[in-house]
Amino acid sequence: MSKIIKNAGFVSKIAAANLLGKRYPLSVTFISTYRCNFTCDYCDVWRFKEKEMTTNEVVSMIDEFKSLGMKRFSFNGGEPLLRDDLGELISHCRKRGVFTTMFSNGSLVAKNTGKLKDLDILVISLDGPAEVHDRQRMANTHDSVIEGIKAARAAGITVWTNTVITRDNLDYLPDLVENAGTLGVKMIFQPVLNYSHSSEESRITGLSSENKEYTDAIDRLKRLKKKGAPIVHSLEYLDYIKVPVWAVNKRKCWAARLYCAVTPTGDVAPCYPIFNSRKWPNGLEKGFGSAFMELVDRFSCNGCYCALVESDFLYSFRIGAVLNLLKSIEAA
């Protein structure tokens, strides 16, 4: 119950957004760098080139967003561990009382656990056994990812794995879930889709699977979830991604209302999936609060099927997602 009370301020702001149309950057994703030591089949971020904000500029950004109500901050990329100042930035978030997460490909984690000690959650990409993971992510990387997971757990860091579902790993999802228990991690899943930072559309199409094998795989994840498997998502989320077609199952999107994303150079976009779709207002030039307030009703997209789905469900007080979160909080 104490954890629920601790988050009461977060809930009150969500309520104000729903009832009064208020806007707060409660959750900020920071694309800390485009640099990456992986060349995943479905992501072209590593090809992007952009000047990165300095340490002081990032610290100032965190402080400004915190003053505007930010509760959660996520380091994303590229590979965040390629930033030399990452440990300092994570520690600053902890000092400011911000719930802090980081998405990583996992290959550099084992050598850098000291920098990650102040994280609340470390999310590491894992797409299947070695033959599948190495084909989708990069050759000869699976073992270093597993090493990173084990090192992080040994250091006391909470770890989730993130699996991008493709036609190549459908049959391996139950094995991944079983192995998650052995590794001491929880799991999140998302179907491969064509986003603004994705590889060319034909490559995404070649990896996609929207047939009966796909829906059967999601149903297997649901059954495992019901049996207590360490799957973070709500059953509502798993039902939602069974048909990853925006026109079929639109939802209320809270991008630019309760969350946003920031590029390495300080541009403020509504969310991670569309950060590369156009030029967005720059927080260093206008102030991050002003840049965030410019976004509403000035963008459109074709929908997403990533972790933001669960966030949107929670921000809309969808009962399945809320009950799933409360259960997770009390079990933590």
Protein backbone atom coordinates (compact mmCIF):
# COMPACT_ATOMS: atom_id res chain seq x y z
CA MET A 1 0.00 0.00 0.00
CA SER A 2 2.90 2.38 0.75
CA LYS A 3 4.01 2.17 -2.88
CA ILE A 4 0.53 3.12 -4.05
CA ILE A 5 0.44 6.10 -1.71
CA LYS A 6 3.90 7.16 -2.96
CA ASN A 7 2.46 7.40 -6.47
CA ALA A 8 -0.63 9.36 -5.45
CA GLY A 9 0.73 12.56 -7.01
CA PHE A 10 1.23 10.75 -10.29
CA VAL A 11 -2.36 9.48 -10.23
CA SER A 12 -3.78 12.91 -9.40
CA LYS A 13 -2.10 14.43 -12.44
CA ILE A 14 -3.47 11.69 -14.69
CA ALA A 15 -6.92 12.37 -13.27
CA ALA A 16 -6.52 16.08 -13.98
CA ALA A 17 -5.52 15.28 -17.54
CA ASN A 18 -8.61 13.12 -18.02
CA LEU A 19 -11.09 15.43 -16.33
CA LEU A 20 -9.70 18.88 -17.02
CA GLY A 21 -7.53 18.45 -20.11
CA LYS A 22 -4.37 19.36 -18.19
CA ARG A 23 -1.01 18.52 -19.76
CA TYR A 24 2.13 17.44 -17.93
CA PRO A 25 5.34 15.78 -19.19
CA LEU A 26 4.93 12.99 -16.63
CA SER A 27 7.09 10.57 -18.59
CA VAL A 28 10.02 11.57 -20.79
CA THR A 29 12.00 9.29 -23.10
CA PHE A 30 15.47 10.63 -23.84
CA ILE A 31 17.07 9.31 -27.02
CA SER A 32 20.47 9.89 -25.47
CA THR A 33 22.45 8.95 -28.57
CA TYR A 34 21.91 7.54 -32.05
CA ARG A 35 25.22 5.70 -31.80
CA CYS A 36 24.84 1.95 -31.50
CA ASN A 37 27.13 -1.06 -31.66
CA PHE A 38 24.28 -3.19 -33.08
CA THR A 39 22.68 -3.10 -36.53
CA CYS A 40 19.30 -4.70 -35.85
CA ASP A 41 17.21 -5.83 -38.82
CA TYR A 42 14.27 -3.58 -37.98
CA CYS A 43 15.99 -0.41 -36.71
CA ASP A 44 17.98 2.25 -38.55
CA VAL A 45 18.73 4.55 -35.61
CA TRP A 46 22.41 3.63 -35.83
CA ARG A 47 22.52 5.30 -39.26
CA PHE A 48 21.38 8.69 -37.90
CA LYS A 49 23.88 11.43 -37.17
CA GLU A 50 23.16 14.27 -34.76
CA LYS A 51 25.05 16.42 -32.31
CA GLU A 52 24.44 15.30 -28.73
CA MET A 53 23.54 17.53 -25.82
CA THR A 54 26.32 18.03 -23.28
CA THR A 55 26.16 16.64 -19.76
CA ASN A 56 25.18 20.04 -18.34
CA GLU A 57 22.48 20.50 -20.96
CA VAL A 58 20.97 17.11 -20.17
CA VAL A 59 21.08 17.81 -16.43
CA SER A 60 19.30 21.13 -17.00
CA MET A 61 16.70 19.37 -19.15
CA ILE A 62 16.03 16.81 -16.41
CA ASP A 63 15.68 19.59 -13.84
CA GLU A 64 13.29 21.56 -16.04
CA PHE A 65 11.07 18.58 -16.77
CA LYS A 66 11.12 17.68 -13.07
CA SER A 67 9.87 21.18 -12.22
CA LEU A 68 6.99 20.63 -14.67
CA GLY A 69 5.85 17.41 -12.99
CA MET A 70 8.01 14.69 -14.57
CA LYS A 71 7.88 11.44 -12.59
CA ARG A 72 9.59 9.01 -14.98
CA PHE A 73 12.65 9.37 -17.22
CA SER A 74 13.88 6.75 -19.67
CA PHE A 75 17.28 6.59 -21.36
CA ASN A 76 16.96 5.19 -24.85
CA GLY A 77 19.00 5.14 -28.03
CA GLY A 78 20.90 3.88 -29.97
CA GLU A 79 22.86 2.34 -27.11
CA PRO A 80 22.88 4.69 -24.07
CA LEU A 81 26.02 3.05 -22.64
CA LEU A 82 28.01 4.63 -25.46
CA ARG A 83 27.59 7.96 -23.62
CA ASP A 84 30.52 8.43 -21.24
CA ASP A 85 28.38 10.48 -18.84
CA LEU A 86 25.52 7.98 -18.53
CA GLY A 87 26.27 7.00 -14.94
CA GLU A 88 26.34 10.65 -13.87
CA LEU A 89 23.02 11.34 -15.59
CA ILE A 90 21.32 8.30 -14.06
CA SER A 91 22.56 9.30 -10.60
CA HIS A 92 21.20 12.81 -11.12
CA CYS A 93 17.76 11.39 -11.88
CA ARG A 94 17.90 9.36 -8.68
CA LYS A 95 18.88 12.45 -6.67
CA ARG A 96 15.87 14.28 -8.10
CA GLY A 97 13.54 11.46 -7.08
CA VAL A 98 12.69 10.47 -10.65
CA PHE A 99 11.79 6.85 -11.52
CA THR A 100 14.50 5.99 -14.03
CA THR A 101 14.70 3.28 -16.68
CA MET A 102 17.08 2.48 -19.50
CA PHE A 103 16.74 0.47 -22.71
CA SER A 104 19.92 -1.32 -23.78
CA ASN A 105 20.99 -4.00 -26.22
CA GLY A 106 22.76 -5.55 -23.23
CA SER A 107 26.16 -6.16 -24.79
CA LEU A 108 27.98 -3.51 -22.74
CA VAL A 109 26.14 -4.03 -19.45
CA ALA A 110 28.50 -6.54 -17.84
CA LYS A 111 31.38 -4.04 -17.90
CA ASN A 112 29.27 -1.10 -16.74
CA THR A 113 27.03 -2.27 -13.90
CA GLY A 114 28.51 0.40 -11.63
CA LYS A 115 27.05 3.11 -13.87
CA LEU A 116 23.61 1.48 -13.71
CA LYS A 117 23.26 0.99 -9.94
CA ASP A 118 20.78 3.86 -9.56
CA LEU A 119 18.38 2.62 -12.23
CA ASP A 120 14.93 1.50 -11.18
CA ILE A 121 14.58 -0.81 -14.19
CA LEU A 122 17.05 -1.89 -16.87
CA VAL A 123 15.38 -3.16 -20.06
CA ILE A 124 17.56 -5.44 -22.19
CA SER A 125 16.68 -6.59 -25.70
CA LEU A 126 16.42 -10.36 -26.14
CA ASP A 127 14.73 -11.76 -29.23
CA GLY A 128 15.18 -15.51 -28.79
CA PRO A 129 17.84 -18.21 -28.61
CA ALA A 130 21.23 -17.48 -30.16
CA GLU A 131 20.33 -18.48 -33.71
CA VAL A 132 17.30 -16.16 -33.76
CA HIS A 133 18.62 -13.29 -31.66
CA ASP A 134 21.87 -13.08 -33.61
CA ARG A 135 20.00 -13.08 -36.91
CA GLN A 136 17.62 -10.29 -35.89
CA ARG A 137 19.93 -8.17 -33.73
CA MET A 138 23.52 -8.84 -34.79
CA ALA A 139 25.76 -11.86 -35.29
CA ASN A 140 27.56 -13.27 -32.24
CA THR A 141 25.83 -11.01 -29.70
CA HIS A 142 23.45 -13.35 -27.85
CA ASP A 143 26.00 -14.61 -25.33
CA SER A 144 27.12 -11.09 -24.37
CA VAL A 145 23.46 -10.13 -23.82
CA ILE A 146 22.90 -13.08 -21.48
CA GLU A 147 26.14 -12.20 -19.71
CA GLY A 148 24.88 -8.65 -19.29
CA ILE A 149 21.57 -9.82 -17.83
CA LYS A 150 23.32 -12.07 -15.32
CA ALA A 151 25.79 -9.35 -14.35
CA ALA A 152 23.02 -6.82 -13.80
CA ARG A 153 21.01 -9.24 -11.68
CA ALA A 154 24.12 -10.09 -9.64
CA ALA A 155 24.57 -6.35 -9.02
CA GLY A 156 21.02 -6.13 -7.67
CA ILE A 157 19.56 -4.31 -10.70
CA THR A 158 15.96 -5.03 -11.69
CA VAL A 159 15.95 -6.33 -15.26
CA TRP A 160 13.20 -6.70 -17.83
CA THR A 161 13.80 -8.17 -21.26
CA ASN A 162 12.20 -6.69 -24.36
CA THR A 163 11.36 -9.05 -27.21
CA VAL A 164 10.40 -7.80 -30.67
CA ILE A 165 8.01 -10.40 -32.09
CA THR A 166 8.73 -11.47 -35.65
CA ARG A 167 7.83 -14.47 -37.77
CA ASP A 168 11.22 -15.96 -36.87
CA ASN A 169 10.77 -16.12 -33.09
CA LEU A 170 7.07 -17.01 -32.71
CA ASP A 171 7.81 -20.60 -31.77
CA TYR A 172 10.41 -19.59 -29.20
CA LEU A 173 8.29 -17.21 -27.08
CA PRO A 174 7.27 -19.85 -24.50
CA ASP A 175 10.93 -20.87 -24.09
CA LEU A 176 11.89 -17.24 -23.55
CA VAL A 177 9.26 -16.93 -20.83
CA GLU A 178 10.48 -20.10 -19.14
CA ASN A 179 14.09 -18.92 -19.26
CA ALA A 180 13.06 -15.56 -17.82
CA GLY A 181 12.23 -17.26 -14.54
CA THR A 182 15.67 -18.87 -14.47
CA LEU A 183 17.37 -15.54 -15.20
CA GLY A 184 15.30 -13.69 -12.61
CA VAL A 185 13.81 -11.17 -15.05
CA LYS A 186 10.40 -10.06 -16.24
CA MET A 187 9.45 -9.73 -19.90
CA ILE A 188 7.81 -7.25 -22.26
CA PHE A 189 6.86 -7.89 -25.89
CA GLN A 190 6.04 -5.84 -28.96
CA PRO A 191 5.29 -6.83 -32.57
CA VAL A 192 7.69 -5.59 -35.23
CA LEU A 193 6.21 -2.59 -37.06
CA ASN A 194 7.30 0.14 -39.43
CA TYR A 195 8.09 3.29 -37.41
CA SER A 196 9.84 6.50 -38.44
CA HIS A 197 13.21 5.09 -37.31
CA SER A 198 12.64 1.62 -38.76
CA SER A 199 14.43 -0.08 -41.60
CA GLU A 200 12.91 0.14 -45.06
CA GLU A 201 9.30 -1.03 -45.16
CA SER A 202 10.01 -4.14 -47.23
CA ARG A 203 12.37 -5.44 -44.54
CA ILE A 204 9.75 -4.87 -41.84
CA THR A 205 7.15 -6.63 -43.97
CA GLY A 206 9.50 -9.56 -44.35
CA LEU A 207 9.82 -9.86 -40.58
CA SER A 208 6.13 -9.40 -39.78
CA SER A 209 3.62 -12.12 -39.07
CA GLU A 210 -0.04 -11.20 -38.81
CA ASN A 211 -1.44 -14.66 -39.50
CA LYS A 212 -2.90 -17.43 -37.34
CA GLU A 213 0.56 -18.44 -36.13
CA TYR A 214 0.98 -14.95 -34.72
CA THR A 215 -2.39 -14.85 -32.94
CA ASP A 216 -1.77 -18.34 -31.57
CA ALA A 217 1.56 -17.16 -30.17
CA ILE A 218 -0.09 -14.23 -28.41
CA ASP A 219 -2.73 -16.57 -26.99
CA ARG A 220 0.09 -18.74 -25.60
CA LEU A 221 1.56 -15.67 -23.89
CA LYS A 222 -1.88 -14.94 -22.39
CA ARG A 223 -2.15 -18.46 -21.01
CA LEU A 224 1.33 -18.22 -19.53
CA LYS A 225 0.46 -14.83 -17.99
CA LYS A 226 -2.63 -16.30 -16.35
CA LYS A 227 -0.46 -19.06 -14.87
CA GLY A 228 1.81 -16.50 -13.24
CA ALA A 229 4.59 -16.21 -15.79
CA PRO A 230 6.84 -13.11 -15.37
CA ILE A 231 5.15 -11.14 -18.17
CA VAL A 232 4.83 -7.45 -17.36
CA HIS A 233 1.93 -6.71 -19.72
CA SER A 234 -1.73 -6.81 -18.87
CA LEU A 235 -3.99 -9.30 -20.61
CA GLU A 236 -5.64 -6.25 -22.16
CA TYR A 237 -2.37 -5.30 -23.85
CA LEU A 238 -1.84 -8.82 -25.18
CA ASP A 239 -5.37 -8.81 -26.61
CA TYR A 240 -4.66 -5.44 -28.22
CA ILE A 241 -1.51 -6.50 -30.06
CA LYS A 242 -3.22 -9.59 -31.50
CA VAL A 243 -4.47 -7.29 -34.27
CA PRO A 244 -1.73 -4.66 -34.80
CA VAL A 245 -3.83 -2.56 -37.17
CA TRP A 246 -4.52 1.00 -36.00
CA ALA A 247 -7.77 1.36 -37.96
CA VAL A 248 -9.16 -1.72 -36.22
CA ASN A 249 -8.37 -0.94 -32.61
CA LYS A 250 -7.58 2.71 -32.07
CA ARG A 251 -7.04 3.88 -28.51
CA LYS A 252 -6.78 7.24 -26.78
CA CYS A 253 -3.19 8.38 -27.29
CA TRP A 254 -1.59 10.52 -24.57
CA ALA A 255 1.49 11.55 -26.55
CA ALA A 256 2.26 15.27 -26.10
CA ARG A 257 -0.26 15.32 -23.24
CA LEU A 258 1.33 13.10 -20.61
CA TYR A 259 4.55 11.99 -22.26
CA CYS A 260 7.10 12.99 -24.90
CA ALA A 261 10.49 12.06 -26.34
CA VAL A 262 13.64 14.14 -26.68
CA THR A 263 16.26 13.62 -29.40
CA PRO A 264 20.04 13.80 -28.77
CA THR A 265 20.13 17.42 -29.92
CA GLY A 266 17.16 18.49 -27.78
CA ASP A 267 14.19 18.36 -30.15
CA VAL A 268 10.97 17.52 -28.28
CA ALA A 269 8.75 15.03 -30.12
CA PRO A 270 5.37 13.63 -29.02
CA CYS A 271 6.78 10.12 -28.57
CA TYR A 272 9.59 7.76 -29.51
CA PRO A 273 7.86 6.04 -32.48
CA ILE A 274 7.57 9.28 -34.48
CA PHE A 275 10.62 11.27 -33.34
CA ASN A 276 12.13 11.03 -36.82
CA SER A 277 8.97 11.80 -38.80
CA ARG A 278 9.55 15.58 -38.98
CA LYS A 279 11.42 18.48 -37.36
CA TRP A 280 10.13 19.15 -33.83
CA PRO A 281 10.56 22.22 -31.56
CA ASN A 282 13.91 22.35 -29.82
CA GLY A 283 14.04 22.52 -26.03
CA LEU A 284 17.46 24.13 -25.86
CA GLU A 285 16.22 27.01 -28.00
CA LYS A 286 12.71 27.48 -26.56
CA GLY A 287 12.84 25.79 -23.18
CA PHE A 288 11.69 22.20 -22.81
CA GLY A 289 8.38 23.14 -21.24
CA SER A 290 7.53 25.51 -24.08
CA ALA A 291 8.60 22.96 -26.70
CA PHE A 292 6.38 20.33 -25.05
CA MET A 293 3.37 22.68 -24.99
CA GLU A 294 3.75 23.36 -28.73
CA LEU A 295 3.17 19.74 -29.64
CA VAL A 296 -0.48 19.09 -28.92
CA ASP A 297 -2.79 18.72 -31.94
CA ARG A 298 0.14 19.37 -34.31
CA PHE A 299 0.88 15.80 -35.24
CA SER A 300 -0.69 12.59 -36.44
CA CYS A 301 0.53 9.02 -36.77
CA ASN A 302 -0.49 5.53 -37.84
CA GLY A 303 -0.49 4.12 -34.32
CA CYS A 304 2.00 2.05 -32.34
CA TYR A 305 2.13 -1.31 -30.61
CA CYS A 306 4.99 -0.89 -28.15
CA ALA A 307 5.14 -0.22 -24.39
CA LEU A 308 3.27 3.04 -24.97
CA VAL A 309 0.09 1.01 -25.44
CA GLU A 310 0.22 -0.04 -21.79
CA SER A 311 0.96 3.56 -20.76
CA ASP A 312 -2.03 4.85 -22.73
CA PHE A 313 -4.26 2.22 -21.12
CA LEU A 314 -3.07 3.26 -17.66
CA TYR A 315 -3.46 6.98 -18.39
CA SER A 316 -7.00 6.28 -19.60
CA PHE A 317 -7.71 4.27 -16.42
CA ARG A 318 -8.48 1.11 -18.42
CA ILE A 319 -9.41 -1.37 -15.71
CA GLY A 320 -7.36 -4.34 -16.97
CA ALA A 321 -4.15 -2.33 -17.13
CA VAL A 322 -4.77 -0.66 -13.75
CA LEU A 323 -5.43 -3.96 -11.97
CA ASN A 324 -2.33 -5.46 -13.59
CA LEU A 325 -0.23 -2.55 -12.32
CA LEU A 326 -1.63 -2.72 -8.79
CA LYS A 327 -0.92 -6.43 -8.66
CA SER A 328 2.64 -5.81 -9.84
CA ILE A 329 3.20 -3.06 -7.27
CA GLU A 330 2.03 -5.17 -4.38
CA ALA A 331 4.14 -8.12 -5.57
CA ALA A 332 7.31 -6.05 -5.93
